[in-house]
Amino acid sequence: MQKILTYYADNFTLARECTEHYYHINDDGVILEAVDENNQPCPCGNPKPWLTLEGRTEDILTFENGTKIAPLSLYAILKEIHRINRFQLIQSENNTLELRLLADDKQKTFMETRNKLEEYLCKHGIQAEVLLSDDVPKANPVSGKYQHVIARGCG
């Protein structure tokens, strides 16, 4: 038996998961503004628009000197770089950050992003290495939720 999830807000069904693990919008009872004009049809055959869920929680990054950085501050820096289409910043070791990046000019965008991140972290006494990943930003394979900032392998 396959588990099908329903996404609620204020006790109202916003979307329901299909067999292909997309969340189709309940467009009979809710109005949502599309953020992507390339709304591709779902392989499950359901013609209703679908959405991707993004996680509400992000990880707090802790660096070698004990400084903790809230993910919202890093998110705010990266959202100001308008060439970024999507990103994911992963702390793979205490002072090493891996940047998964979708951008039109990936290398140029990475250089600008790395400079801004390193400048911000330096102001907080952190000497961190920011590396460009070959991987693209990914949602959690179990929950389907997307995190912009992830701390893993630290400690």
C-alpha atoms as a PDB file:
ATOM      1  CA  MET A   1       0.000   0.000   0.000  1.00  0.00           C
ATOM      2  CA  GLN A   2       1.408   3.375  -1.030  1.00  0.00           C
ATOM      3  CA  LYS A   3       1.154   6.278   1.388  1.00  0.00           C
ATOM      4  CA  ILE A   4      -0.297   9.435  -0.213  1.00  0.00           C
ATOM      5  CA  LEU A   5       0.231  12.700   1.643  1.00  0.00           C
ATOM      6  CA  THR A   6      -2.020  15.731   1.763  1.00  0.00           C
ATOM      7  CA  TYR A   7      -0.670  19.235   2.442  1.00  0.00           C
ATOM      8  CA  TYR A   8      -2.895  21.362   4.695  1.00  0.00           C
ATOM      9  CA  ALA A   9      -2.932  25.007   5.786  1.00  0.00           C
ATOM     10  CA  ASP A  10      -5.465  26.222   8.353  1.00  0.00           C
ATOM     11  CA  ASN A  11      -7.395  22.937   8.053  1.00  0.00           C
ATOM     12  CA  PHE A  12      -7.853  23.355   4.311  1.00  0.00           C
ATOM     13  CA  THR A  13      -6.376  21.027   1.702  1.00  0.00           C
ATOM     14  CA  LEU A  14      -3.897  22.993  -0.415  1.00  0.00           C
ATOM     15  CA  ALA A  15      -2.451  20.046  -2.296  1.00  0.00           C
ATOM     16  CA  ARG A  16      -2.440  16.272  -2.460  1.00  0.00           C
ATOM     17  CA  GLU A  17       0.487  14.020  -3.370  1.00  0.00           C
ATOM     18  CA  CYS A  18       0.183  11.914  -6.514  1.00  0.00           C
ATOM     19  CA  THR A  19       1.842   8.576  -7.342  1.00  0.00           C
ATOM     20  CA  GLU A  20       4.801  10.478  -8.865  1.00  0.00           C
ATOM     21  CA  HIS A  21       5.378  12.346  -5.548  1.00  0.00           C
ATOM     22  CA  TYR A  22       4.256  15.760  -6.786  1.00  0.00           C
ATOM     23  CA  TYR A  23       1.763  17.833  -4.826  1.00  0.00           C
ATOM     24  CA  HIS A  24      -1.137  18.823  -7.060  1.00  0.00           C
ATOM     25  CA  ILE A  25      -2.833  22.067  -6.088  1.00  0.00           C
ATOM     26  CA  ASN A  26      -6.479  21.960  -5.064  1.00  0.00           C
ATOM     27  CA  ASP A  27      -7.313  24.647  -7.625  1.00  0.00           C
ATOM     28  CA  ASP A  28     -11.072  24.181  -7.076  1.00  0.00           C
ATOM     29  CA  GLY A  29     -10.817  25.846  -3.681  1.00  0.00           C
ATOM     30  CA  VAL A  30      -7.585  27.830  -3.518  1.00  0.00           C
ATOM     31  CA  ILE A  31      -5.809  30.467  -5.605  1.00  0.00           C
ATOM     32  CA  LEU A  32      -2.036  30.252  -5.672  1.00  0.00           C
ATOM     33  CA  GLU A  33       0.279  32.442  -7.696  1.00  0.00           C
ATOM     34  CA  ALA A  34       2.632  30.509  -9.961  1.00  0.00           C
ATOM     35  CA  VAL A  35       6.306  31.366  -9.599  1.00  0.00           C
ATOM     36  CA  ASP A  36       7.462  29.436 -12.659  1.00  0.00           C
ATOM     37  CA  GLU A  37       5.917  29.948 -16.065  1.00  0.00           C
ATOM     38  CA  ASN A  38       7.198  26.534 -17.263  1.00  0.00           C
ATOM     39  CA  ASN A  39       4.507  24.489 -15.518  1.00  0.00           C
ATOM     40  CA  GLN A  40       5.252  21.078 -17.030  1.00  0.00           C
ATOM     41  CA  PRO A  41       2.624  18.320 -16.973  1.00  0.00           C
ATOM     42  CA  CYS A  42       3.084  15.627 -14.351  1.00  0.00           C
ATOM     43  CA  PRO A  43       3.937  12.075 -15.490  1.00  0.00           C
ATOM     44  CA  CYS A  44       1.111  10.739 -13.273  1.00  0.00           C
ATOM     45  CA  GLY A  45      -1.460  12.126 -15.735  1.00  0.00           C
ATOM     46  CA  ASN A  46      -3.120  14.587 -13.321  1.00  0.00           C
ATOM     47  CA  PRO A  47      -3.588  17.845 -15.303  1.00  0.00           C
ATOM     48  CA  LYS A  48      -3.817  20.061 -12.205  1.00  0.00           C
ATOM     49  CA  PRO A  49      -0.846  22.329 -11.458  1.00  0.00           C
ATOM     50  CA  TRP A  50       1.628  20.946  -8.922  1.00  0.00           C
ATOM     51  CA  LEU A  51       3.970  22.400  -6.369  1.00  0.00           C
ATOM     52  CA  THR A  52       7.224  21.492  -4.680  1.00  0.00           C
ATOM     53  CA  LEU A  53       7.367  21.797  -0.903  1.00  0.00           C
ATOM     54  CA  GLU A  54      10.280  23.593   0.692  1.00  0.00           C
ATOM     55  CA  GLY A  55      11.260  22.995   4.275  1.00  0.00           C
ATOM     56  CA  ARG A  56      10.537  25.564   6.960  1.00  0.00           C
ATOM     57  CA  THR A  57      13.556  24.666   9.042  1.00  0.00           C
ATOM     58  CA  GLU A  58      17.167  25.285   8.182  1.00  0.00           C
ATOM     59  CA  ASP A  59      20.248  24.198  10.086  1.00  0.00           C
ATOM     60  CA  ILE A  60      22.290  26.587  12.223  1.00  0.00           C
ATOM     61  CA  LEU A  61      25.922  26.404  11.143  1.00  0.00           C
ATOM     62  CA  THR A  62      28.569  26.077  13.857  1.00  0.00           C
ATOM     63  CA  PHE A  63      32.160  26.881  12.919  1.00  0.00           C
ATOM     64  CA  GLU A  64      35.501  25.786  14.435  1.00  0.00           C
ATOM     65  CA  ASN A  65      35.790  28.939  16.571  1.00  0.00           C
ATOM     66  CA  GLY A  66      32.374  28.200  18.112  1.00  0.00           C
ATOM     67  CA  THR A  67      30.567  30.950  16.196  1.00  0.00           C
ATOM     68  CA  LYS A  68      27.023  30.032  15.191  1.00  0.00           C
ATOM     69  CA  ILE A  69      25.499  31.540  12.053  1.00  0.00           C
ATOM     70  CA  ALA A  70      21.745  31.507  11.501  1.00  0.00           C
ATOM     71  CA  PRO A  71      20.766  30.258   8.058  1.00  0.00           C
ATOM     72  CA  LEU A  72      18.500  33.236   7.382  1.00  0.00           C
ATOM     73  CA  SER A  73      21.496  35.584   7.266  1.00  0.00           C
ATOM     74  CA  LEU A  74      23.214  33.412   4.632  1.00  0.00           C
ATOM     75  CA  TYR A  75      19.964  33.000   2.718  1.00  0.00           C
ATOM     76  CA  ALA A  76      19.522  36.797   2.634  1.00  0.00           C
ATOM     77  CA  ILE A  77      23.026  37.288   1.190  1.00  0.00           C
ATOM     78  CA  LEU A  78      22.494  34.713  -1.539  1.00  0.00           C
ATOM     79  CA  LYS A  79      19.003  35.900  -2.484  1.00  0.00           C
ATOM     80  CA  GLU A  80      20.518  39.313  -3.348  1.00  0.00           C
ATOM     81  CA  ILE A  81      22.639  37.735  -6.092  1.00  0.00           C
ATOM     82  CA  HIS A  82      20.074  37.902  -8.865  1.00  0.00           C
ATOM     83  CA  ARG A  83      21.889  35.550 -11.274  1.00  0.00           C
ATOM     84  CA  ILE A  84      21.231  32.675  -8.856  1.00  0.00           C
ATOM     85  CA  ASN A  85      18.231  30.601  -9.935  1.00  0.00           C
ATOM     86  CA  ARG A  86      18.482  28.170  -7.022  1.00  0.00           C
ATOM     87  CA  PHE A  87      21.080  27.352  -4.413  1.00  0.00           C
ATOM     88  CA  GLN A  88      21.882  25.075  -1.545  1.00  0.00           C
ATOM     89  CA  LEU A  89      24.687  25.733   0.942  1.00  0.00           C
ATOM     90  CA  ILE A  90      25.977  22.667   2.782  1.00  0.00           C
ATOM     91  CA  GLN A  91      28.445  22.750   5.653  1.00  0.00           C
ATOM     92  CA  SER A  92      30.347  19.512   5.007  1.00  0.00           C
ATOM     93  CA  GLU A  93      33.017  20.165   7.662  1.00  0.00           C
ATOM     94  CA  ASN A  94      33.296  22.856  10.340  1.00  0.00           C
ATOM     95  CA  ASN A  95      34.834  25.523   8.093  1.00  0.00           C
ATOM     96  CA  THR A  96      34.055  24.092   4.666  1.00  0.00           C
ATOM     97  CA  LEU A  97      30.908  25.059   2.765  1.00  0.00           C
ATOM     98  CA  GLU A  98      29.767  23.352  -0.404  1.00  0.00           C
ATOM     99  CA  LEU A  99      27.631  25.496  -2.720  1.00  0.00           C
ATOM    100  CA  ARG A 100      25.197  23.720  -5.009  1.00  0.00           C
ATOM    101  CA  LEU A 101      24.217  26.268  -7.596  1.00  0.00           C
ATOM    102  CA  LEU A 102      21.856  26.718 -10.526  1.00  0.00           C
ATOM    103  CA  ALA A 103      22.759  29.874 -12.444  1.00  0.00           C
ATOM    104  CA  ASP A 104      23.073  31.040 -16.043  1.00  0.00           C
ATOM    105  CA  ASP A 105      26.788  31.831 -15.719  1.00  0.00           C
ATOM    106  CA  LYS A 106      27.669  29.351 -12.993  1.00  0.00           C
ATOM    107  CA  GLN A 107      31.374  30.159 -12.636  1.00  0.00           C
ATOM    108  CA  LYS A 108      30.931  33.951 -12.566  1.00  0.00           C
ATOM    109  CA  THR A 109      28.004  33.636 -10.173  1.00  0.00           C
ATOM    110  CA  PHE A 110      30.006  31.317  -7.936  1.00  0.00           C
ATOM    111  CA  MET A 111      32.920  33.778  -7.735  1.00  0.00           C
ATOM    112  CA  GLU A 112      30.585  36.595  -6.661  1.00  0.00           C
ATOM    113  CA  THR A 113      28.744  34.336  -4.223  1.00  0.00           C
ATOM    114  CA  ARG A 114      31.951  32.988  -2.674  1.00  0.00           C
ATOM    115  CA  ASN A 115      33.312  36.520  -2.209  1.00  0.00           C
ATOM    116  CA  LYS A 116      30.132  37.733  -0.498  1.00  0.00           C
ATOM    117  CA  LEU A 117      29.917  34.682   1.768  1.00  0.00           C
ATOM    118  CA  GLU A 118      33.599  34.825   2.753  1.00  0.00           C
ATOM    119  CA  GLU A 119      33.349  38.586   3.411  1.00  0.00           C
ATOM    120  CA  TYR A 120      30.303  38.068   5.651  1.00  0.00           C
ATOM    121  CA  LEU A 121      31.880  35.170   7.534  1.00  0.00           C
ATOM    122  CA  CYS A 122      35.169  37.046   7.969  1.00  0.00           C
ATOM    123  CA  LYS A 123      33.267  39.867   9.703  1.00  0.00           C
ATOM    124  CA  HIS A 124      32.209  37.213  12.226  1.00  0.00           C
ATOM    125  CA  GLY A 125      35.763  35.932  12.744  1.00  0.00           C
ATOM    126  CA  ILE A 126      35.315  32.876  10.523  1.00  0.00           C
ATOM    127  CA  GLN A 127      37.843  31.792   7.900  1.00  0.00           C
ATOM    128  CA  ALA A 128      35.794  29.399   5.777  1.00  0.00           C
ATOM    129  CA  GLU A 129      36.423  27.720   2.462  1.00  0.00           C
ATOM    130  CA  VAL A 130      33.529  27.893  -0.018  1.00  0.00           C
ATOM    131  CA  LEU A 131      33.658  25.238  -2.734  1.00  0.00           C
ATOM    132  CA  LEU A 132      31.521  24.931  -5.866  1.00  0.00           C
ATOM    133  CA  SER A 133      29.770  21.572  -6.022  1.00  0.00           C
ATOM    134  CA  ASP A 134      29.125  19.607  -9.202  1.00  0.00           C
ATOM    135  CA  ASP A 135      25.781  18.595  -7.670  1.00  0.00           C
ATOM    136  CA  VAL A 136      22.587  20.576  -8.165  1.00  0.00           C
ATOM    137  CA  PRO A 137      20.386  21.666  -5.235  1.00  0.00           C
ATOM    138  CA  LYS A 138      18.233  18.734  -4.085  1.00  0.00           C
ATOM    139  CA  ALA A 139      15.174  18.151  -1.950  1.00  0.00           C
ATOM    140  CA  ASN A 140      15.355  15.640   0.880  1.00  0.00           C
ATOM    141  CA  PRO A 141      14.628  12.260  -0.762  1.00  0.00           C
ATOM    142  CA  VAL A 142      12.473  11.105   2.178  1.00  0.00           C
ATOM    143  CA  SER A 143      10.447  14.200   3.095  1.00  0.00           C
ATOM    144  CA  GLY A 144      10.488  15.911  -0.308  1.00  0.00           C
ATOM    145  CA  LYS A 145      11.229  19.184   1.480  1.00  0.00           C
ATOM    146  CA  TYR A 146      13.964  21.504   0.296  1.00  0.00           C
ATOM    147  CA  GLN A 147      16.486  23.215   2.568  1.00  0.00           C
ATOM    148  CA  HIS A 148      18.648  26.122   1.424  1.00  0.00           C
ATOM    149  CA  VAL A 149      21.176  25.713   4.270  1.00  0.00           C
ATOM    150  CA  ILE A 150      22.273  22.341   5.650  1.00  0.00           C
ATOM    151  CA  ALA A 151      24.793  21.463   8.367  1.00  0.00           C
ATOM    152  CA  ARG A 152      26.082  17.918   8.082  1.00  0.00           C
ATOM    153  CA  GLY A 153      29.329  16.180   8.899  1.00  0.00           C
ATOM    154  CA  CYS A 154      30.126  18.829  11.511  1.00  0.00           C
ATOM    155  CA  GLY A 155      31.329  18.358  14.976  1.00  0.00           C
END
